[in-house]
Amino acid sequence: MNVDNQVIARSNVDLIHSYAVVDVTEEATFSLAASQEYQVAQIIDENHYIVDVVYPGQTRTVRRSDLTGGSHVYVLGRTTTAGGLERAHELQDLRTISAKTANPYISRDFDDASRQAVGEELETHAAEADFSKGFGTPQSTDPYQHLLAARLGWGGLSPEHAQYFQMFATSTGADVWTLEVPPLDYDHSGYFSIIKYDKLGRLYVAKAYLPGSDLVRNDDGTISVWFGDERVAGRPNVIETTQGEQFYYGIGLYQPLDAEQTRQYFDRLRARPLTPVQA
């Protein structure tokens, strides 16, 4: 993930992304090579509804009739870097897209000033966002949450594929967040990471995340993540913050075992927010 070129909101650092805009006026077919690594091709229509999600070894065909509007889809590919960049690039190169038509996409002519004003207003409601109800189809999402998700987390996966949790904090320079290991399908490339964003949902430090596989566990099996300055530098699982800094902290879960079980897990996270400590 290049922090200087962030295409989607609230990006992940331990994935590399691939992008394509594809004409599906007739039909297009999307395939991923079989592998054991985490990789998906998420197919999104112009109204930010998810048309399909393709996993390794799968092939999907999409037609214009599958969309809620328009004749093109945005394909957002995610490929894990857990096996190294060379392997990730190999998996990216094995993706295939075949379309029967290639009409250029013509974007809508929005008024940029009003678009920006609406976006800034939506940012003030970030604390109300429930991404588990914001990403998906018209039938599976709540209209208000879908609107927030489109602004605050554009390109997110629906809850059966991934879930995202965030909270807002002001750093004291020594804060800790203790959480349980999340319930994921670890046998099928499930993973999680802890991540920090600025107030606009952008990464802004070189090490703003911690992958779940690297996190040191407490004696009781829980995980404590430390946010702060030199006062917490000797602790395990540290993400740098400075006193008075305002930021979002959260967790991204991929391959959840059950969407409702994950929502309950998030409820427990809300009950145990970031806590200042004497360090």
C-alpha atoms as a PDB file:
ATOM      1  CA  MET A   1       0.000   0.000   0.000  1.00  0.00           C
ATOM      2  CA  ASN A   2       1.451   3.360  -1.085  1.00  0.00           C
ATOM      3  CA  VAL A   3       0.417   5.962   1.508  1.00  0.00           C
ATOM      4  CA  ASP A   4       0.945   8.697  -1.098  1.00  0.00           C
ATOM      5  CA  ASN A   5      -1.544   7.162  -3.560  1.00  0.00           C
ATOM      6  CA  GLN A   6      -4.635   6.031  -1.663  1.00  0.00           C
ATOM      7  CA  VAL A   7      -7.445   5.185  -4.076  1.00  0.00           C
ATOM      8  CA  ILE A   8      -9.925   3.658  -1.624  1.00  0.00           C
ATOM      9  CA  ALA A   9     -10.902   4.992   1.785  1.00  0.00           C
ATOM     10  CA  ARG A  10      -9.552   3.210   4.859  1.00  0.00           C
ATOM     11  CA  SER A  11      -7.118   1.082   2.883  1.00  0.00           C
ATOM     12  CA  ASN A  12      -5.236  -1.940   4.162  1.00  0.00           C
ATOM     13  CA  VAL A  13      -1.455  -1.970   4.267  1.00  0.00           C
ATOM     14  CA  ASP A  14      -0.916  -5.738   4.034  1.00  0.00           C
ATOM     15  CA  LEU A  15      -2.660  -6.060   0.672  1.00  0.00           C
ATOM     16  CA  ILE A  16      -1.844  -4.796  -2.781  1.00  0.00           C
ATOM     17  CA  HIS A  17      -4.668  -3.574  -4.965  1.00  0.00           C
ATOM     18  CA  SER A  18      -5.555  -3.986  -8.629  1.00  0.00           C
ATOM     19  CA  TYR A  19      -8.121  -1.804 -10.392  1.00  0.00           C
ATOM     20  CA  ALA A  20     -10.125  -1.995 -13.603  1.00  0.00           C
ATOM     21  CA  VAL A  21     -13.210  -0.372 -15.108  1.00  0.00           C
ATOM     22  CA  VAL A  22     -14.989  -2.901 -17.324  1.00  0.00           C
ATOM     23  CA  ASP A  23     -17.865  -2.569 -19.772  1.00  0.00           C
ATOM     24  CA  VAL A  24     -20.585  -5.185 -19.113  1.00  0.00           C
ATOM     25  CA  THR A  25     -23.137  -3.933 -21.657  1.00  0.00           C
ATOM     26  CA  GLU A  26     -23.310  -7.514 -22.941  1.00  0.00           C
ATOM     27  CA  GLU A  27     -21.208  -9.471 -20.460  1.00  0.00           C
ATOM     28  CA  ALA A  28     -17.757  -9.790 -18.928  1.00  0.00           C
ATOM     29  CA  THR A  29     -16.104 -12.745 -17.221  1.00  0.00           C
ATOM     30  CA  PHE A  30     -13.755 -12.460 -14.242  1.00  0.00           C
ATOM     31  CA  SER A  31     -11.455 -15.256 -13.012  1.00  0.00           C
ATOM     32  CA  LEU A  32      -8.841 -15.803 -10.303  1.00  0.00           C
ATOM     33  CA  ALA A  33      -6.304 -18.619 -10.388  1.00  0.00           C
ATOM     34  CA  ALA A  34      -6.586 -21.290  -7.704  1.00  0.00           C
ATOM     35  CA  SER A  35      -4.300 -20.607  -4.726  1.00  0.00           C
ATOM     36  CA  GLN A  36      -4.129 -20.878  -0.939  1.00  0.00           C
ATOM     37  CA  GLU A  37      -3.427 -17.166  -0.432  1.00  0.00           C
ATOM     38  CA  TYR A  38      -6.012 -14.489   0.298  1.00  0.00           C
ATOM     39  CA  GLN A  39      -7.146 -12.859  -2.940  1.00  0.00           C
ATOM     40  CA  VAL A  40     -10.464 -11.443  -4.123  1.00  0.00           C
ATOM     41  CA  ALA A  41     -11.866  -9.517  -7.062  1.00  0.00           C
ATOM     42  CA  GLN A  42     -14.704  -7.321  -5.830  1.00  0.00           C
ATOM     43  CA  ILE A  43     -17.095  -6.153  -8.549  1.00  0.00           C
ATOM     44  CA  ILE A  44     -18.839  -2.839  -7.773  1.00  0.00           C
ATOM     45  CA  ASP A  45     -21.421  -0.925  -9.800  1.00  0.00           C
ATOM     46  CA  GLU A  46     -21.567   2.860 -10.158  1.00  0.00           C
ATOM     47  CA  ASN A  47     -23.996   3.161  -7.219  1.00  0.00           C
ATOM     48  CA  HIS A  48     -21.430   1.513  -4.919  1.00  0.00           C
ATOM     49  CA  TYR A  49     -23.390  -1.724  -4.643  1.00  0.00           C
ATOM     50  CA  ILE A  50     -21.491  -5.005  -4.726  1.00  0.00           C
ATOM     51  CA  VAL A  51     -22.365  -7.140  -7.735  1.00  0.00           C
ATOM     52  CA  ASP A  52     -20.131 -10.119  -6.893  1.00  0.00           C
ATOM     53  CA  VAL A  53     -16.933 -11.184  -5.142  1.00  0.00           C
ATOM     54  CA  VAL A  54     -14.599 -13.667  -6.841  1.00  0.00           C
ATOM     55  CA  TYR A  55     -12.212 -15.917  -4.863  1.00  0.00           C
ATOM     56  CA  PRO A  56      -9.259 -18.056  -6.020  1.00  0.00           C
ATOM     57  CA  GLY A  57     -10.333 -20.814  -8.376  1.00  0.00           C
ATOM     58  CA  GLN A  58     -13.620 -19.083  -9.215  1.00  0.00           C
ATOM     59  CA  THR A  59     -15.030 -17.551 -12.394  1.00  0.00           C
ATOM     60  CA  ARG A  60     -17.977 -15.142 -12.491  1.00  0.00           C
ATOM     61  CA  THR A  61     -19.870 -13.608 -15.408  1.00  0.00           C
ATOM     62  CA  VAL A  62     -21.566 -10.200 -15.015  1.00  0.00           C
ATOM     63  CA  ARG A  63     -24.107  -8.563 -17.326  1.00  0.00           C
ATOM     64  CA  ARG A  64     -25.649  -5.119 -17.425  1.00  0.00           C
ATOM     65  CA  SER A  65     -28.876  -6.570 -16.029  1.00  0.00           C
ATOM     66  CA  ASP A  66     -26.970  -7.458 -12.828  1.00  0.00           C
ATOM     67  CA  LEU A  67     -26.267  -3.789 -12.038  1.00  0.00           C
ATOM     68  CA  THR A  68     -28.381  -1.223 -10.192  1.00  0.00           C
ATOM     69  CA  GLY A  69     -27.378   1.351 -12.789  1.00  0.00           C
ATOM     70  CA  GLY A  70     -24.995   2.089 -15.637  1.00  0.00           C
ATOM     71  CA  SER A  71     -23.207  -0.325 -17.934  1.00  0.00           C
ATOM     72  CA  HIS A  72     -19.746  -0.537 -16.334  1.00  0.00           C
ATOM     73  CA  VAL A  73     -18.292  -2.045 -13.182  1.00  0.00           C
ATOM     74  CA  TYR A  74     -15.295  -1.144 -11.055  1.00  0.00           C
ATOM     75  CA  VAL A  75     -13.179  -4.172 -10.220  1.00  0.00           C
ATOM     76  CA  LEU A  76     -11.235  -3.836  -6.982  1.00  0.00           C
ATOM     77  CA  GLY A  77      -8.702  -6.618  -6.541  1.00  0.00           C
ATOM     78  CA  ARG A  78      -7.041  -7.408  -3.234  1.00  0.00           C
ATOM     79  CA  THR A  79      -4.021  -9.711  -2.982  1.00  0.00           C
ATOM     80  CA  THR A  80      -2.195 -10.543   0.226  1.00  0.00           C
ATOM     81  CA  THR A  81       1.511  -9.802   0.531  1.00  0.00           C
ATOM     82  CA  ALA A  82       1.978 -12.469   3.222  1.00  0.00           C
ATOM     83  CA  GLY A  83       3.974 -14.622   0.789  1.00  0.00           C
ATOM     84  CA  GLY A  84       6.101 -11.697  -0.375  1.00  0.00           C
ATOM     85  CA  LEU A  85       5.675  -9.166  -3.163  1.00  0.00           C
ATOM     86  CA  GLU A  86       6.991 -11.463  -5.888  1.00  0.00           C
ATOM     87  CA  ARG A  87       4.312 -14.045  -5.125  1.00  0.00           C
ATOM     88  CA  ALA A  88       1.631 -11.347  -4.831  1.00  0.00           C
ATOM     89  CA  HIS A  89       2.573  -9.952  -8.238  1.00  0.00           C
ATOM     90  CA  GLU A  90       2.469 -13.464  -9.701  1.00  0.00           C
ATOM     91  CA  LEU A  91      -1.089 -13.903  -8.416  1.00  0.00           C
ATOM     92  CA  GLN A  92      -2.070 -10.511  -9.793  1.00  0.00           C
ATOM     93  CA  ASP A  93      -0.728 -11.462 -13.219  1.00  0.00           C
ATOM     94  CA  LEU A  94      -2.854 -14.627 -13.217  1.00  0.00           C
ATOM     95  CA  ARG A  95      -6.130 -12.701 -12.940  1.00  0.00           C
ATOM     96  CA  THR A  96      -8.185 -12.631 -16.133  1.00  0.00           C
ATOM     97  CA  ILE A  97     -10.967 -10.380 -17.436  1.00  0.00           C
ATOM     98  CA  SER A  98     -12.758 -11.024 -20.721  1.00  0.00           C
ATOM     99  CA  ALA A  99     -15.425  -8.569 -21.953  1.00  0.00           C
ATOM    100  CA  LYS A 100     -17.592  -8.792 -25.071  1.00  0.00           C
ATOM    101  CA  THR A 101     -17.765  -4.991 -25.427  1.00  0.00           C
ATOM    102  CA  ALA A 102     -15.305  -2.191 -24.701  1.00  0.00           C
ATOM    103  CA  ASN A 103     -17.340   1.002 -24.645  1.00  0.00           C
ATOM    104  CA  PRO A 104     -15.516   3.786 -22.755  1.00  0.00           C
ATOM    105  CA  TYR A 105     -16.874   4.789 -19.366  1.00  0.00           C
ATOM    106  CA  ILE A 106     -18.236   8.348 -19.320  1.00  0.00           C
ATOM    107  CA  SER A 107     -18.480   9.715 -15.803  1.00  0.00           C
ATOM    108  CA  ARG A 108     -21.316  11.890 -14.603  1.00  0.00           C
ATOM    109  CA  ASP A 109     -20.779  15.637 -14.593  1.00  0.00           C
ATOM    110  CA  PHE A 110     -21.163  16.364 -10.880  1.00  0.00           C
ATOM    111  CA  ASP A 111     -20.852  19.835  -9.401  1.00  0.00           C
ATOM    112  CA  ASP A 112     -17.590  19.447  -7.533  1.00  0.00           C
ATOM    113  CA  ALA A 113     -18.259  22.131  -4.908  1.00  0.00           C
ATOM    114  CA  SER A 114     -21.561  20.604  -3.803  1.00  0.00           C
ATOM    115  CA  ARG A 115     -20.104  17.095  -3.960  1.00  0.00           C
ATOM    116  CA  GLN A 116     -17.293  18.141  -1.655  1.00  0.00           C
ATOM    117  CA  ALA A 117     -19.692  19.897   0.729  1.00  0.00           C
ATOM    118  CA  VAL A 118     -21.904  16.819   1.001  1.00  0.00           C
ATOM    119  CA  GLY A 119     -18.852  14.642   1.577  1.00  0.00           C
ATOM    120  CA  GLU A 120     -17.569  16.865   4.363  1.00  0.00           C
ATOM    121  CA  GLU A 121     -20.984  16.793   6.026  1.00  0.00           C
ATOM    122  CA  LEU A 122     -21.042  12.995   5.891  1.00  0.00           C
ATOM    123  CA  GLU A 123     -17.601  12.893   7.515  1.00  0.00           C
ATOM    124  CA  THR A 124     -19.080  14.525  10.621  1.00  0.00           C
ATOM    125  CA  HIS A 125     -21.327  11.460  11.051  1.00  0.00           C
ATOM    126  CA  ALA A 126     -18.485   8.927  11.070  1.00  0.00           C
ATOM    127  CA  ALA A 127     -19.295   7.820  14.617  1.00  0.00           C
ATOM    128  CA  GLU A 128     -22.716   6.631  13.386  1.00  0.00           C
ATOM    129  CA  ALA A 129     -21.290   4.356  10.688  1.00  0.00           C
ATOM    130  CA  ASP A 130     -22.002   0.630  10.800  1.00  0.00           C
ATOM    131  CA  PHE A 131     -20.113  -0.751   7.823  1.00  0.00           C
ATOM    132  CA  SER A 132     -21.726  -4.179   8.243  1.00  0.00           C
ATOM    133  CA  LYS A 133     -24.955  -2.541   7.022  1.00  0.00           C
ATOM    134  CA  GLY A 134     -23.304  -0.249   4.476  1.00  0.00           C
ATOM    135  CA  PHE A 135     -21.596  -2.594   2.004  1.00  0.00           C
ATOM    136  CA  GLY A 136     -23.548  -5.042  -0.123  1.00  0.00           C
ATOM    137  CA  THR A 137     -26.668  -5.040  -2.285  1.00  0.00           C
ATOM    138  CA  PRO A 138     -29.752  -2.789  -2.106  1.00  0.00           C
ATOM    139  CA  GLN A 139     -31.525  -5.631  -0.303  1.00  0.00           C
ATOM    140  CA  SER A 140     -28.790  -6.253   2.282  1.00  0.00           C
ATOM    141  CA  THR A 141     -27.900  -2.653   3.188  1.00  0.00           C
ATOM    142  CA  ASP A 142     -29.518   0.208   5.060  1.00  0.00           C
ATOM    143  CA  PRO A 143     -29.837   3.315   2.831  1.00  0.00           C
ATOM    144  CA  TYR A 144     -28.296   5.693   5.377  1.00  0.00           C
ATOM    145  CA  GLN A 145     -25.464   3.311   6.239  1.00  0.00           C
ATOM    146  CA  HIS A 146     -24.853   2.710   2.535  1.00  0.00           C
ATOM    147  CA  LEU A 147     -24.471   6.468   2.053  1.00  0.00           C
ATOM    148  CA  LEU A 148     -22.010   6.730   4.946  1.00  0.00           C
ATOM    149  CA  ALA A 149     -20.055   3.701   3.738  1.00  0.00           C
ATOM    150  CA  ALA A 150     -19.722   5.122   0.235  1.00  0.00           C
ATOM    151  CA  ARG A 151     -18.064   8.227   1.660  1.00  0.00           C
ATOM    152  CA  LEU A 152     -16.209   6.846   4.675  1.00  0.00           C
ATOM    153  CA  GLY A 153     -15.113   3.449   3.380  1.00  0.00           C
ATOM    154  CA  TRP A 154     -15.477   3.402  -0.383  1.00  0.00           C
ATOM    155  CA  GLY A 155     -14.701  -0.040  -1.772  1.00  0.00           C
ATOM    156  CA  GLY A 156     -15.387  -2.044   1.386  1.00  0.00           C
ATOM    157  CA  LEU A 157     -16.502  -5.661   1.259  1.00  0.00           C
ATOM    158  CA  SER A 158     -19.888  -6.877   2.498  1.00  0.00           C
ATOM    159  CA  PRO A 159     -20.084  -8.497   5.958  1.00  0.00           C
ATOM    160  CA  GLU A 160     -20.033 -12.117   4.806  1.00  0.00           C
ATOM    161  CA  HIS A 161     -16.645 -11.423   3.176  1.00  0.00           C
ATOM    162  CA  ALA A 162     -15.082  -8.910   5.578  1.00  0.00           C
ATOM    163  CA  GLN A 163     -16.023  -6.581   8.397  1.00  0.00           C
ATOM    164  CA  TYR A 164     -14.522  -3.326   9.584  1.00  0.00           C
ATOM    165  CA  PHE A 165     -14.608  -1.673  12.988  1.00  0.00           C
ATOM    166  CA  GLN A 166     -13.406   1.789  13.938  1.00  0.00           C
ATOM    167  CA  MET A 167     -13.576   4.227  16.839  1.00  0.00           C
ATOM    168  CA  PHE A 168     -12.389   7.808  17.235  1.00  0.00           C
ATOM    169  CA  ALA A 169      -9.865   8.859  19.866  1.00  0.00           C
ATOM    170  CA  THR A 170      -7.690  11.705  21.066  1.00  0.00           C
ATOM    171  CA  SER A 171      -4.269  10.448  22.090  1.00  0.00           C
ATOM    172  CA  THR A 172      -2.900  11.010  25.569  1.00  0.00           C
ATOM    173  CA  GLY A 173       0.476   9.734  24.388  1.00  0.00           C
ATOM    174  CA  ALA A 174       0.006   6.452  26.278  1.00  0.00           C
ATOM    175  CA  ASP A 175      -3.191   4.528  25.497  1.00  0.00           C
ATOM    176  CA  VAL A 176      -3.985   0.830  25.261  1.00  0.00           C
ATOM    177  CA  TRP A 177      -6.674  -1.138  23.435  1.00  0.00           C
ATOM    178  CA  THR A 178      -7.213  -4.710  24.634  1.00  0.00           C
ATOM    179  CA  LEU A 179      -9.260  -7.085  22.506  1.00  0.00           C
ATOM    180  CA  GLU A 180     -10.018 -10.747  21.974  1.00  0.00           C
ATOM    181  CA  VAL A 181      -8.653 -12.634  18.983  1.00  0.00           C
ATOM    182  CA  PRO A 182     -11.443 -12.298  16.387  1.00  0.00           C
ATOM    183  CA  PRO A 183     -13.471 -15.306  15.171  1.00  0.00           C
ATOM    184  CA  LEU A 184     -12.304 -15.901  11.582  1.00  0.00           C
ATOM    185  CA  ASP A 185     -11.909 -18.788   9.159  1.00  0.00           C
ATOM    186  CA  TYR A 186      -8.166 -19.054   9.664  1.00  0.00           C
ATOM    187  CA  ASP A 187      -8.073 -22.386   7.807  1.00  0.00           C
ATOM    188  CA  HIS A 188      -9.127 -20.606   4.600  1.00  0.00           C
ATOM    189  CA  SER A 189      -6.804 -17.569   4.560  1.00  0.00           C
ATOM    190  CA  GLY A 190      -8.746 -15.580   7.167  1.00  0.00           C
ATOM    191  CA  TYR A 191      -6.736 -12.810   8.775  1.00  0.00           C
ATOM    192  CA  PHE A 192      -7.037  -9.477  10.573  1.00  0.00           C
ATOM    193  CA  SER A 193      -5.031  -6.333  11.171  1.00  0.00           C
ATOM    194  CA  ILE A 194      -5.105  -3.350  13.509  1.00  0.00           C
ATOM    195  CA  ILE A 195      -4.891  -0.022  11.741  1.00  0.00           C
ATOM    196  CA  LYS A 196      -4.877   3.722  12.362  1.00  0.00           C
ATOM    197  CA  TYR A 197      -6.306   6.435  10.084  1.00  0.00           C
ATOM    198  CA  ASP A 198      -6.497  10.198  10.144  1.00  0.00           C
ATOM    199  CA  LYS A 199      -9.829  12.042  10.371  1.00  0.00           C
ATOM    200  CA  LEU A 200     -10.436  11.536   6.626  1.00  0.00           C
ATOM    201  CA  GLY A 201      -9.804   7.810   6.702  1.00  0.00           C
ATOM    202  CA  ARG A 202      -6.324   8.038   5.185  1.00  0.00           C
ATOM    203  CA  LEU A 203      -3.116   6.392   6.280  1.00  0.00           C
ATOM    204  CA  TYR A 204      -0.572   9.002   7.202  1.00  0.00           C
ATOM    205  CA  VAL A 205       2.393   7.303   8.846  1.00  0.00           C
ATOM    206  CA  ALA A 206       4.710   4.679   7.423  1.00  0.00           C
ATOM    207  CA  LYS A 207       3.720   2.089  10.051  1.00  0.00           C
ATOM    208  CA  ALA A 208       0.065   2.707  10.781  1.00  0.00           C
ATOM    209  CA  TYR A 209      -0.942  -0.923  11.127  1.00  0.00           C
ATOM    210  CA  LEU A 210      -0.088  -4.219  12.797  1.00  0.00           C
ATOM    211  CA  PRO A 211      -0.922  -7.548  11.097  1.00  0.00           C
ATOM    212  CA  GLY A 212      -2.681 -10.048  13.323  1.00  0.00           C
ATOM    213  CA  SER A 213      -0.022 -12.692  12.715  1.00  0.00           C
ATOM    214  CA  ASP A 214       2.632 -10.413  14.262  1.00  0.00           C
ATOM    215  CA  LEU A 215       0.705  -9.395  17.378  1.00  0.00           C
ATOM    216  CA  VAL A 216       2.009 -10.577  20.748  1.00  0.00           C
ATOM    217  CA  ARG A 217      -0.695 -12.226  22.883  1.00  0.00           C
ATOM    218  CA  ASN A 218      -1.277 -11.612  26.573  1.00  0.00           C
ATOM    219  CA  ASP A 219      -1.191 -14.536  29.011  1.00  0.00           C
ATOM    220  CA  ASP A 220      -4.994 -14.830  28.826  1.00  0.00           C
ATOM    221  CA  GLY A 221      -4.969 -14.974  25.021  1.00  0.00           C
ATOM    222  CA  THR A 222      -6.136 -11.401  24.478  1.00  0.00           C
ATOM    223  CA  ILE A 223      -4.179  -8.771  22.553  1.00  0.00           C
ATOM    224  CA  SER A 224      -3.155  -5.337  23.857  1.00  0.00           C
ATOM    225  CA  VAL A 225      -2.289  -2.706  21.255  1.00  0.00           C
ATOM    226  CA  TRP A 226      -0.478   0.403  22.465  1.00  0.00           C
ATOM    227  CA  PHE A 227      -0.933   3.824  20.886  1.00  0.00           C
ATOM    228  CA  GLY A 228       1.476   6.521  21.975  1.00  0.00           C
ATOM    229  CA  ASP A 229       4.882   8.149  21.999  1.00  0.00           C
ATOM    230  CA  GLU A 230       8.152   7.265  23.701  1.00  0.00           C
ATOM    231  CA  ARG A 231       6.235   6.373  26.880  1.00  0.00           C
ATOM    232  CA  VAL A 232       5.018   3.139  25.255  1.00  0.00           C
ATOM    233  CA  ALA A 233       8.015   2.502  23.005  1.00  0.00           C
ATOM    234  CA  GLY A 234       9.132  -0.532  25.009  1.00  0.00           C
ATOM    235  CA  ARG A 235       5.766  -2.265  24.792  1.00  0.00           C
ATOM    236  CA  PRO A 236       4.773  -4.906  22.231  1.00  0.00           C
ATOM    237  CA  ASN A 237       2.205  -4.067  19.537  1.00  0.00           C
ATOM    238  CA  VAL A 238       2.823  -0.307  19.269  1.00  0.00           C
ATOM    239  CA  ILE A 239       1.334   2.180  16.783  1.00  0.00           C
ATOM    240  CA  GLU A 240       2.780   5.671  17.041  1.00  0.00           C
ATOM    241  CA  THR A 241       0.578   8.586  18.134  1.00  0.00           C
ATOM    242  CA  THR A 242       1.371  11.941  19.706  1.00  0.00           C
ATOM    243  CA  GLN A 243      -0.361  13.581  22.638  1.00  0.00           C
ATOM    244  CA  GLY A 244      -3.425  15.524  21.495  1.00  0.00           C
ATOM    245  CA  GLU A 245      -3.558  13.802  18.095  1.00  0.00           C
ATOM    246  CA  GLN A 246      -7.051  12.884  16.880  1.00  0.00           C
ATOM    247  CA  PHE A 247      -7.376   9.685  14.871  1.00  0.00           C
ATOM    248  CA  TYR A 248      -9.440   6.607  14.095  1.00  0.00           C
ATOM    249  CA  TYR A 249      -8.266   3.216  15.285  1.00  0.00           C
ATOM    250  CA  GLY A 250      -9.833  -0.023  14.205  1.00  0.00           C
ATOM    251  CA  ILE A 251      -9.631  -3.574  12.988  1.00  0.00           C
ATOM    252  CA  GLY A 252     -10.282  -5.178   9.615  1.00  0.00           C
ATOM    253  CA  LEU A 253     -11.469  -8.793   9.537  1.00  0.00           C
ATOM    254  CA  TYR A 254     -11.253 -10.948   6.415  1.00  0.00           C
ATOM    255  CA  GLN A 255     -13.035 -14.303   5.995  1.00  0.00           C
ATOM    256  CA  PRO A 256     -15.333 -14.061   9.055  1.00  0.00           C
ATOM    257  CA  LEU A 257     -16.900 -17.309  10.213  1.00  0.00           C
ATOM    258  CA  ASP A 258     -20.323 -15.745  10.631  1.00  0.00           C
ATOM    259  CA  ALA A 259     -21.542 -12.182  10.028  1.00  0.00           C
ATOM    260  CA  GLU A 260     -23.727 -12.040  13.142  1.00  0.00           C
ATOM    261  CA  GLN A 261     -20.994 -13.513  15.332  1.00  0.00           C
ATOM    262  CA  THR A 262     -18.689 -10.775  14.083  1.00  0.00           C
ATOM    263  CA  ARG A 263     -21.243  -8.068  14.911  1.00  0.00           C
ATOM    264  CA  GLN A 264     -21.369  -9.415  18.459  1.00  0.00           C
ATOM    265  CA  TYR A 265     -17.581  -9.308  18.577  1.00  0.00           C
ATOM    266  CA  PHE A 266     -17.710  -5.642  17.546  1.00  0.00           C
ATOM    267  CA  ASP A 267     -20.219  -4.938  20.323  1.00  0.00           C
ATOM    268  CA  ARG A 268     -17.641  -6.222  22.795  1.00  0.00           C
ATOM    269  CA  LEU A 269     -14.998  -3.989  21.214  1.00  0.00           C
ATOM    270  CA  ARG A 270     -17.248  -0.943  21.656  1.00  0.00           C
ATOM    271  CA  ALA A 271     -17.542  -1.791  25.344  1.00  0.00           C
ATOM    272  CA  ARG A 272     -13.726  -1.741  25.706  1.00  0.00           C
ATOM    273  CA  PRO A 273     -12.431   1.356  23.899  1.00  0.00           C
ATOM    274  CA  LEU A 274      -8.941   2.809  23.920  1.00  0.00           C
ATOM    275  CA  THR A 275      -7.931   3.559  27.520  1.00  0.00           C
ATOM    276  CA  PRO A 276      -5.287   5.990  28.837  1.00  0.00           C
ATOM    277  CA  VAL A 277      -2.675   4.464  31.127  1.00  0.00           C
ATOM    278  CA  GLN A 278       0.138   5.627  33.353  1.00  0.00           C
ATOM    279  CA  ALA A 279       3.231   4.598  31.404  1.00  0.00           C
END
